[in-house]
């Protein structure tokens, strides 16, 4: 497992062990990335046509809206 994947696994495992809703944790984390990178499509830019991207797009659209209208809520205040 590469180091970046290991970091993600550790963060997700920690959230799970804290009793957090992992689906919500992932949705919010991905929404923060989308807000920082400029939108949902930017999160998926490295492989936009994959079946995984289709599901992540659905998760993000459900969280920030199909047009990204709620991304503003995920922008870091100091960014």
PDB file of N, CA and C in Angstrom:
ATOM      1  N   UNK A   1       0.855  -1.167   0.000  1.00  0.00           N
ATOM      2  CA  UNK A   1       0.000   0.000   0.000  1.00  0.00           C
ATOM      3  C   UNK A   1       0.907   1.238   0.000  1.00  0.00           C
ATOM      4  N   UNK A   2       0.580   2.192  -0.864  1.00  0.00           N
ATOM      5  CA  UNK A   2       1.398   3.399  -0.935  1.00  0.00           C
ATOM      6  C   UNK A   2       1.133   4.292   0.283  1.00  0.00           C
ATOM      7  N   UNK A   3       2.046   5.215   0.579  1.00  0.00           N
ATOM      8  CA  UNK A   3       1.910   6.043   1.784  1.00  0.00           C
ATOM      9  C   UNK A   3       0.642   6.902   1.822  1.00  0.00           C
ATOM     10  N   UNK A   4       0.216   7.430   0.687  1.00  0.00           N
ATOM     11  CA  UNK A   4      -0.983   8.265   0.669  1.00  0.00           C
ATOM     12  C   UNK A   4      -2.228   7.442   0.990  1.00  0.00           C
ATOM     13  N   UNK A   5      -2.316   6.257   0.425  1.00  0.00           N
ATOM     14  CA  UNK A   5      -3.437   5.367   0.730  1.00  0.00           C
ATOM     15  C   UNK A   5      -3.403   4.971   2.199  1.00  0.00           C
ATOM     16  N   UNK A   6      -2.228   4.709   2.719  1.00  0.00           N
ATOM     17  CA  UNK A   6      -2.093   4.347   4.134  1.00  0.00           C
ATOM     18  C   UNK A   6      -2.620   5.483   5.024  1.00  0.00           C
ATOM     19  N   UNK A   7      -2.292   6.726   4.693  1.00  0.00           N
ATOM     20  CA  UNK A   7      -2.793   7.869   5.470  1.00  0.00           C
ATOM     21  C   UNK A   7      -4.318   7.930   5.437  1.00  0.00           C
ATOM     22  N   UNK A   8      -4.886   7.708   4.259  1.00  0.00           N
ATOM     23  CA  UNK A   8      -6.350   7.725   4.131  1.00  0.00           C
ATOM     24  C   UNK A   8      -6.972   6.592   4.943  1.00  0.00           C
ATOM     25  N   UNK A   9      -6.399   5.401   4.857  1.00  0.00           N
ATOM     26  CA  UNK A   9      -6.908   4.256   5.618  1.00  0.00           C
ATOM     27  C   UNK A   9      -6.846   4.558   7.113  1.00  0.00           C
ATOM     28  N   UNK A  10      -5.744   5.126   7.551  1.00  0.00           N
ATOM     29  CA  UNK A  10      -5.606   5.453   8.970  1.00  0.00           C
ATOM     30  C   UNK A  10      -6.653   6.482   9.414  1.00  0.00           C
ATOM     31  N   UNK A  11      -6.893   7.504   8.601  1.00  0.00           N
ATOM     32  CA  UNK A  11      -7.876   8.534   8.951  1.00  0.00           C
ATOM     33  C   UNK A  11      -9.283   7.943   9.005  1.00  0.00           C
ATOM     34  N   UNK A  12      -9.623   7.098   8.040  1.00  0.00           N
ATOM     35  CA  UNK A  12     -10.956   6.480   8.012  1.00  0.00           C
ATOM     36  C   UNK A  12     -11.121   5.528   9.193  1.00  0.00           C
ATOM     37  N   UNK A  13     -10.086   4.747   9.476  1.00  0.00           N
ATOM     38  CA  UNK A  13     -10.135   3.820  10.608  1.00  0.00           C
ATOM     39  C   UNK A  13     -10.297   4.573  11.917  1.00  0.00           C
ATOM     40  N   UNK A  14      -9.570   5.673  12.064  1.00  0.00           N
ATOM     41  CA  UNK A  14      -9.684   6.487  13.270  1.00  0.00           C
ATOM     42  C   UNK A  14     -11.097   7.046  13.426  1.00  0.00           C
ATOM     43  N   UNK A  15     -11.670   7.527  12.343  1.00  0.00           N
ATOM     44  CA  UNK A  15     -13.043   8.045  12.385  1.00  0.00           C
ATOM     45  C   UNK A  15     -14.015   6.946  12.798  1.00  0.00           C
ATOM     46  N   UNK A  16     -13.848   5.766  12.240  1.00  0.00           N
ATOM     47  CA  UNK A  16     -14.713   4.636  12.575  1.00  0.00           C
ATOM     48  C   UNK A  16     -14.593   4.281  14.048  1.00  0.00           C
ATOM     49  N   UNK A  17     -13.357   4.221  14.544  1.00  0.00           N
ATOM     50  CA  UNK A  17     -13.134   3.862  15.940  1.00  0.00           C
ATOM     51  C   UNK A  17     -13.646   4.932  16.901  1.00  0.00           C
ATOM     52  N   UNK A  18     -13.745   6.182  16.435  1.00  0.00           N
ATOM     53  CA  UNK A  18     -14.311   7.264  17.249  1.00  0.00           C
ATOM     54  C   UNK A  18     -15.839   7.220  17.264  1.00  0.00           C
ATOM     55  N   UNK A  19     -16.408   6.305  16.488  1.00  0.00           N
ATOM     56  CA  UNK A  19     -17.858   6.180  16.427  1.00  0.00           C
ATOM     57  C   UNK A  19     -18.508   7.110  15.430  1.00  0.00           C
ATOM     58  N   UNK A  20     -17.716   7.663  14.526  1.00  0.00           N
ATOM     59  CA  UNK A  20     -18.262   8.593  13.548  1.00  0.00           C
ATOM     60  C   UNK A  20     -18.950   7.854  12.415  1.00  0.00           C
ATOM     61  N   UNK A  21     -19.861   8.534  11.772  1.00  0.00           N
ATOM     62  CA  UNK A  21     -20.526   8.036  10.570  1.00  0.00           C
ATOM     63  C   UNK A  21     -19.514   8.156   9.436  1.00  0.00           C
ATOM     64  N   UNK A  22     -18.954   7.035   9.013  1.00  0.00           N
ATOM     65  CA  UNK A  22     -17.875   7.057   8.025  1.00  0.00           C
ATOM     66  C   UNK A  22     -18.359   7.585   6.680  1.00  0.00           C
ATOM     67  N   UNK A  23     -19.581   7.278   6.297  1.00  0.00           N
ATOM     68  CA  UNK A  23     -20.104   7.796   5.030  1.00  0.00           C
ATOM     69  C   UNK A  23     -20.155   9.320   5.061  1.00  0.00           C
ATOM     70  N   UNK A  24     -20.640   9.872   6.169  1.00  0.00           N
ATOM     71  CA  UNK A  24     -20.685  11.324   6.309  1.00  0.00           C
ATOM     72  C   UNK A  24     -19.267  11.909   6.355  1.00  0.00           C
ATOM     73  N   UNK A  25     -18.380  11.255   7.078  1.00  0.00           N
ATOM     74  CA  UNK A  25     -16.980  11.679   7.167  1.00  0.00           C
ATOM     75  C   UNK A  25     -16.366  11.787   5.771  1.00  0.00           C
ATOM     76  N   UNK A  26     -16.564  10.762   4.951  1.00  0.00           N
ATOM     77  CA  UNK A  26     -16.021  10.763   3.590  1.00  0.00           C
ATOM     78  C   UNK A  26     -16.666  11.841   2.729  1.00  0.00           C
ATOM     79  N   UNK A  27     -17.981  11.980   2.836  1.00  0.00           N
ATOM     80  CA  UNK A  27     -18.692  12.993   2.045  1.00  0.00           C
ATOM     81  C   UNK A  27     -18.176  14.390   2.373  1.00  0.00           C
ATOM     82  N   UNK A  28     -18.000  14.671   3.647  1.00  0.00           N
ATOM     83  CA  UNK A  28     -17.540  15.998   4.043  1.00  0.00           C
ATOM     84  C   UNK A  28     -16.069  16.209   3.668  1.00  0.00           C
ATOM     85  N   UNK A  29     -15.247  15.192   3.861  1.00  0.00           N
ATOM     86  CA  UNK A  29     -13.836  15.320   3.488  1.00  0.00           C
ATOM     87  C   UNK A  29     -13.691  15.576   1.984  1.00  0.00           C
ATOM     88  N   UNK A  30     -14.413  14.822   1.170  1.00  0.00           N
ATOM     89  CA  UNK A  30     -14.357  15.017  -0.280  1.00  0.00           C
ATOM     90  C   UNK A  30     -14.917  16.384  -0.674  1.00  0.00           C
ATOM     91  N   UNK A  31     -15.915  16.853   0.042  1.00  0.00           N
ATOM     92  CA  UNK A  31     -16.472  18.174  -0.245  1.00  0.00           C
ATOM     93  C   UNK A  31     -15.464  19.279   0.052  1.00  0.00           C
ATOM     94  N   UNK A  32     -14.692  19.121   1.103  1.00  0.00           N
ATOM     95  CA  UNK A  32     -13.633  20.091   1.408  1.00  0.00           C
ATOM     96  C   UNK A  32     -12.584  20.104   0.295  1.00  0.00           C
ATOM     97  N   UNK A  33     -12.237  18.926  -0.198  1.00  0.00           N
ATOM     98  CA  UNK A  33     -11.272  18.844  -1.300  1.00  0.00           C
ATOM     99  C   UNK A  33     -11.853  19.508  -2.548  1.00  0.00           C
ATOM    100  N   UNK A  34     -13.100  19.215  -2.855  1.00  0.00           N
ATOM    101  CA  UNK A  34     -13.744  19.815  -4.029  1.00  0.00           C
ATOM    102  C   UNK A  34     -13.775  21.334  -3.920  1.00  0.00           C
ATOM    103  N   UNK A  35     -14.079  21.846  -2.752  1.00  0.00           N
ATOM    104  CA  UNK A  35     -14.113  23.302  -2.559  1.00  0.00           C
ATOM    105  C   UNK A  35     -12.728  23.906  -2.759  1.00  0.00           C
ATOM    106  N   UNK A  36     -11.718  23.246  -2.244  1.00  0.00           N
ATOM    107  CA  UNK A  36     -10.351  23.762  -2.357  1.00  0.00           C
ATOM    108  C   UNK A  36      -9.813  23.673  -3.782  1.00  0.00           C
ATOM    109  N   UNK A  37     -10.231  22.645  -4.512  1.00  0.00           N
ATOM    110  CA  UNK A  37      -9.687  22.399  -5.852  1.00  0.00           C
ATOM    111  C   UNK A  37     -10.492  23.048  -6.969  1.00  0.00           C
ATOM    112  N   UNK A  38     -11.671  23.541  -6.666  1.00  0.00           N
ATOM    113  CA  UNK A  38     -12.448  24.230  -7.686  1.00  0.00           C
ATOM    114  C   UNK A  38     -13.667  23.499  -8.193  1.00  0.00           C
ATOM    115  N   UNK A  39     -14.076  22.436  -7.532  1.00  0.00           N
ATOM    116  CA  UNK A  39     -15.314  21.774  -7.910  1.00  0.00           C
ATOM    117  C   UNK A  39     -15.225  20.266  -7.927  1.00  0.00           C
ATOM    118  N   UNK A  40     -16.372  19.660  -8.088  1.00  0.00           N
ATOM    119  CA  UNK A  40     -16.492  18.203  -8.091  1.00  0.00           C
ATOM    120  C   UNK A  40     -15.650  17.588  -9.201  1.00  0.00           C
ATOM    121  N   UNK A  41     -15.692  18.153 -10.398  1.00  0.00           N
ATOM    122  CA  UNK A  41     -14.939  17.587 -11.512  1.00  0.00           C
ATOM    123  C   UNK A  41     -13.437  17.575 -11.243  1.00  0.00           C
ATOM    124  N   UNK A  42     -12.956  18.529 -10.465  1.00  0.00           N
ATOM    125  CA  UNK A  42     -11.533  18.569 -10.141  1.00  0.00           C
ATOM    126  C   UNK A  42     -11.118  17.402  -9.254  1.00  0.00           C
ATOM    127  N   UNK A  43     -12.005  16.975  -8.373  1.00  0.00           N
ATOM    128  CA  UNK A  43     -11.713  15.819  -7.524  1.00  0.00           C
ATOM    129  C   UNK A  43     -11.545  14.567  -8.381  1.00  0.00           C
ATOM    130  N   UNK A  44     -12.270  14.528  -9.488  1.00  0.00           N
ATOM    131  CA  UNK A  44     -12.307  13.332 -10.333  1.00  0.00           C
ATOM    132  C   UNK A  44     -11.448  13.450 -11.591  1.00  0.00           C
ATOM    133  N   UNK A  45     -10.673  14.505 -11.708  1.00  0.00           N
ATOM    134  CA  UNK A  45      -9.956  14.814 -12.954  1.00  0.00           C
ATOM    135  C   UNK A  45      -8.980  13.740 -13.418  1.00  0.00           C
ATOM    136  N   UNK A  46      -8.456  12.939 -12.526  1.00  0.00           N
ATOM    137  CA  UNK A  46      -7.454  11.956 -12.937  1.00  0.00           C
ATOM    138  C   UNK A  46      -8.031  10.701 -13.566  1.00  0.00           C
ATOM    139  N   UNK A  47      -9.325  10.492 -13.382  1.00  0.00           N
ATOM    140  CA  UNK A  47      -9.985   9.321 -13.985  1.00  0.00           C
ATOM    141  C   UNK A  47     -11.497   9.520 -13.962  1.00  0.00           C
ATOM    142  N   UNK A  48     -11.991  10.522 -14.683  1.00  0.00           N
ATOM    143  CA  UNK A  48     -13.394  10.923 -14.577  1.00  0.00           C
ATOM    144  C   UNK A  48     -14.412   9.915 -15.083  1.00  0.00           C
ATOM    145  N   UNK A  49     -14.013   9.005 -15.952  1.00  0.00           N
ATOM    146  CA  UNK A  49     -14.976   8.079 -16.536  1.00  0.00           C
ATOM    147  C   UNK A  49     -15.088   6.744 -15.837  1.00  0.00           C
ATOM    148  N   UNK A  50     -14.381   6.574 -14.729  1.00  0.00           N
ATOM    149  CA  UNK A  50     -14.399   5.278 -14.047  1.00  0.00           C
ATOM    150  C   UNK A  50     -15.719   5.052 -13.303  1.00  0.00           C
ATOM    151  N   UNK A  51     -15.990   3.803 -13.006  1.00  0.00           N
ATOM    152  CA  UNK A  51     -17.199   3.505 -12.234  1.00  0.00           C
ATOM    153  C   UNK A  51     -17.074   4.089 -10.830  1.00  0.00           C
ATOM    154  N   UNK A  52     -15.842   4.134 -10.291  1.00  0.00           N
ATOM    155  CA  UNK A  52     -15.643   4.717  -8.969  1.00  0.00           C
ATOM    156  C   UNK A  52     -15.988   6.205  -8.989  1.00  0.00           C
ATOM    157  N   UNK A  53     -15.549   6.895 -10.049  1.00  0.00           N
ATOM    158  CA  UNK A  53     -15.828   8.325 -10.180  1.00  0.00           C
ATOM    159  C   UNK A  53     -17.331   8.580 -10.247  1.00  0.00           C
ATOM    160  N   UNK A  54     -18.057   7.701 -10.908  1.00  0.00           N
ATOM    161  CA  UNK A  54     -19.506   7.847 -10.997  1.00  0.00           C
ATOM    162  C   UNK A  54     -20.138   7.850  -9.601  1.00  0.00           C
ATOM    163  N   UNK A  55     -19.677   6.951  -8.757  1.00  0.00           N
ATOM    164  CA  UNK A  55     -20.227   6.870  -7.401  1.00  0.00           C
ATOM    165  C   UNK A  55     -19.782   8.046  -6.533  1.00  0.00           C
ATOM    166  N   UNK A  56     -18.527   8.436  -6.663  1.00  0.00           N
ATOM    167  CA  UNK A  56     -18.042   9.584  -5.888  1.00  0.00           C
ATOM    168  C   UNK A  56     -18.755  10.861  -6.339  1.00  0.00           C
ATOM    169  N   UNK A  57     -18.975  10.994  -7.647  1.00  0.00           N
ATOM    170  CA  UNK A  57     -19.715  12.150  -8.163  1.00  0.00           C
ATOM    171  C   UNK A  57     -21.113  12.190  -7.544  1.00  0.00           C
ATOM    172  N   UNK A  58     -21.779  11.040  -7.479  1.00  0.00           N
ATOM    173  CA  UNK A  58     -23.106  10.974  -6.871  1.00  0.00           C
ATOM    174  C   UNK A  58     -23.070  11.366  -5.402  1.00  0.00           C
ATOM    175  N   UNK A  59     -22.068  10.902  -4.681  1.00  0.00           N
ATOM    176  CA  UNK A  59     -21.918  11.258  -3.278  1.00  0.00           C
ATOM    177  C   UNK A  59     -21.717  12.761  -3.130  1.00  0.00           C
ATOM    178  N   UNK A  60     -20.832  13.328  -3.951  1.00  0.00           N
ATOM    179  CA  UNK A  60     -20.570  14.764  -3.876  1.00  0.00           C
ATOM    180  C   UNK A  60     -21.787  15.592  -4.294  1.00  0.00           C
ATOM    181  N   UNK A  61     -22.464  15.180  -5.341  1.00  0.00           N
ATOM    182  CA  UNK A  61     -23.654  15.917  -5.761  1.00  0.00           C
ATOM    183  C   UNK A  61     -24.729  15.877  -4.667  1.00  0.00           C
ATOM    184  N   UNK A  62     -24.824  14.762  -3.974  1.00  0.00           N
ATOM    185  CA  UNK A  62     -25.773  14.677  -2.875  1.00  0.00           C
ATOM    186  C   UNK A  62     -25.387  15.569  -1.700  1.00  0.00           C
ATOM    187  N   UNK A  63     -24.109  15.849  -1.565  1.00  0.00           N
ATOM    188  CA  UNK A  63     -23.610  16.650  -0.445  1.00  0.00           C
ATOM    189  C   UNK A  63     -23.565  18.137  -0.769  1.00  0.00           C
ATOM    190  N   UNK A  64     -23.069  18.481  -1.958  1.00  0.00           N
ATOM    191  CA  UNK A  64     -22.882  19.903  -2.298  1.00  0.00           C
ATOM    192  C   UNK A  64     -23.834  20.392  -3.376  1.00  0.00           C
ATOM    193  N   UNK A  65     -24.684  19.505  -3.867  1.00  0.00           N
ATOM    194  CA  UNK A  65     -25.627  19.882  -4.920  1.00  0.00           C
ATOM    195  C   UNK A  65     -25.060  19.598  -6.297  1.00  0.00           C
ATOM    196  N   UNK A  66     -25.924  19.371  -7.273  1.00  0.00           N
ATOM    197  CA  UNK A  66     -25.479  19.006  -8.616  1.00  0.00           C
ATOM    198  C   UNK A  66     -24.671  20.104  -9.310  1.00  0.00           C
ATOM    199  N   UNK A  67     -24.855  21.328  -8.892  1.00  0.00           N
ATOM    200  CA  UNK A  67     -24.090  22.435  -9.469  1.00  0.00           C
ATOM    201  C   UNK A  67     -23.031  22.948  -8.500  1.00  0.00           C
ATOM    202  N   UNK A  68     -22.815  22.235  -7.402  1.00  0.00           N
ATOM    203  CA  UNK A  68     -21.819  22.638  -6.422  1.00  0.00           C
ATOM    204  C   UNK A  68     -22.209  23.852  -5.600  1.00  0.00           C
ATOM    205  N   UNK A  69     -23.514  24.123  -5.543  1.00  0.00           N
ATOM    206  CA  UNK A  69     -23.969  25.339  -4.868  1.00  0.00           C
ATOM    207  C   UNK A  69     -23.612  25.394  -3.382  1.00  0.00           C
ATOM    208  N   UNK A  70     -23.406  24.251  -2.746  1.00  0.00           N
ATOM    209  CA  UNK A  70     -23.073  24.255  -1.320  1.00  0.00           C
ATOM    210  C   UNK A  70     -21.563  24.170  -1.069  1.00  0.00           C
ATOM    211  N   UNK A  71     -20.753  24.218  -2.112  1.00  0.00           N
ATOM    212  CA  UNK A  71     -19.301  24.162  -1.914  1.00  0.00           C
ATOM    213  C   UNK A  71     -18.789  25.293  -1.037  1.00  0.00           C
ATOM    214  N   UNK A  72     -19.451  26.418  -1.090  1.00  0.00           N
ATOM    215  CA  UNK A  72     -19.017  27.565  -0.291  1.00  0.00           C
ATOM    216  C   UNK A  72     -18.944  27.221   1.195  1.00  0.00           C
ATOM    217  N   UNK A  73     -19.786  26.316   1.643  1.00  0.00           N
ATOM    218  CA  UNK A  73     -19.800  25.917   3.054  1.00  0.00           C
ATOM    219  C   UNK A  73     -18.592  25.068   3.430  1.00  0.00           C
ATOM    220  N   UNK A  74     -17.881  24.571   2.440  1.00  0.00           N
ATOM    221  CA  UNK A  74     -16.735  23.704   2.676  1.00  0.00           C
ATOM    222  C   UNK A  74     -15.394  24.404   2.415  1.00  0.00           C
ATOM    223  N   UNK A  75     -15.454  25.657   2.034  1.00  0.00           N
ATOM    224  CA  UNK A  75     -14.209  26.402   1.807  1.00  0.00           C
ATOM    225  C   UNK A  75     -13.602  26.775   3.149  1.00  0.00           C
ATOM    226  N   UNK A  76     -12.308  26.595   3.239  1.00  0.00           N
ATOM    227  CA  UNK A  76     -11.602  26.953   4.481  1.00  0.00           C
ATOM    228  C   UNK A  76     -11.587  28.465   4.627  1.00  0.00           C
ATOM    229  N   UNK A  77     -11.802  28.923   5.803  1.00  0.00           N
ATOM    230  CA  UNK A  77     -11.843  30.365   6.057  1.00  0.00           C
ATOM    231  C   UNK A  77     -10.498  31.044   5.801  1.00  0.00           C
ATOM    232  N   UNK A  78      -9.407  30.314   5.993  1.00  0.00           N
ATOM    233  CA  UNK A  78      -8.079  30.907   5.833  1.00  0.00           C
ATOM    234  C   UNK A  78      -7.442  30.609   4.484  1.00  0.00           C
ATOM    235  N   UNK A  79      -8.216  30.033   3.591  1.00  0.00           N
ATOM    236  CA  UNK A  79      -7.650  29.671   2.289  1.00  0.00           C
ATOM    237  C   UNK A  79      -7.587  30.865   1.367  1.00  0.00           C
TER     238      UNK A  79
END
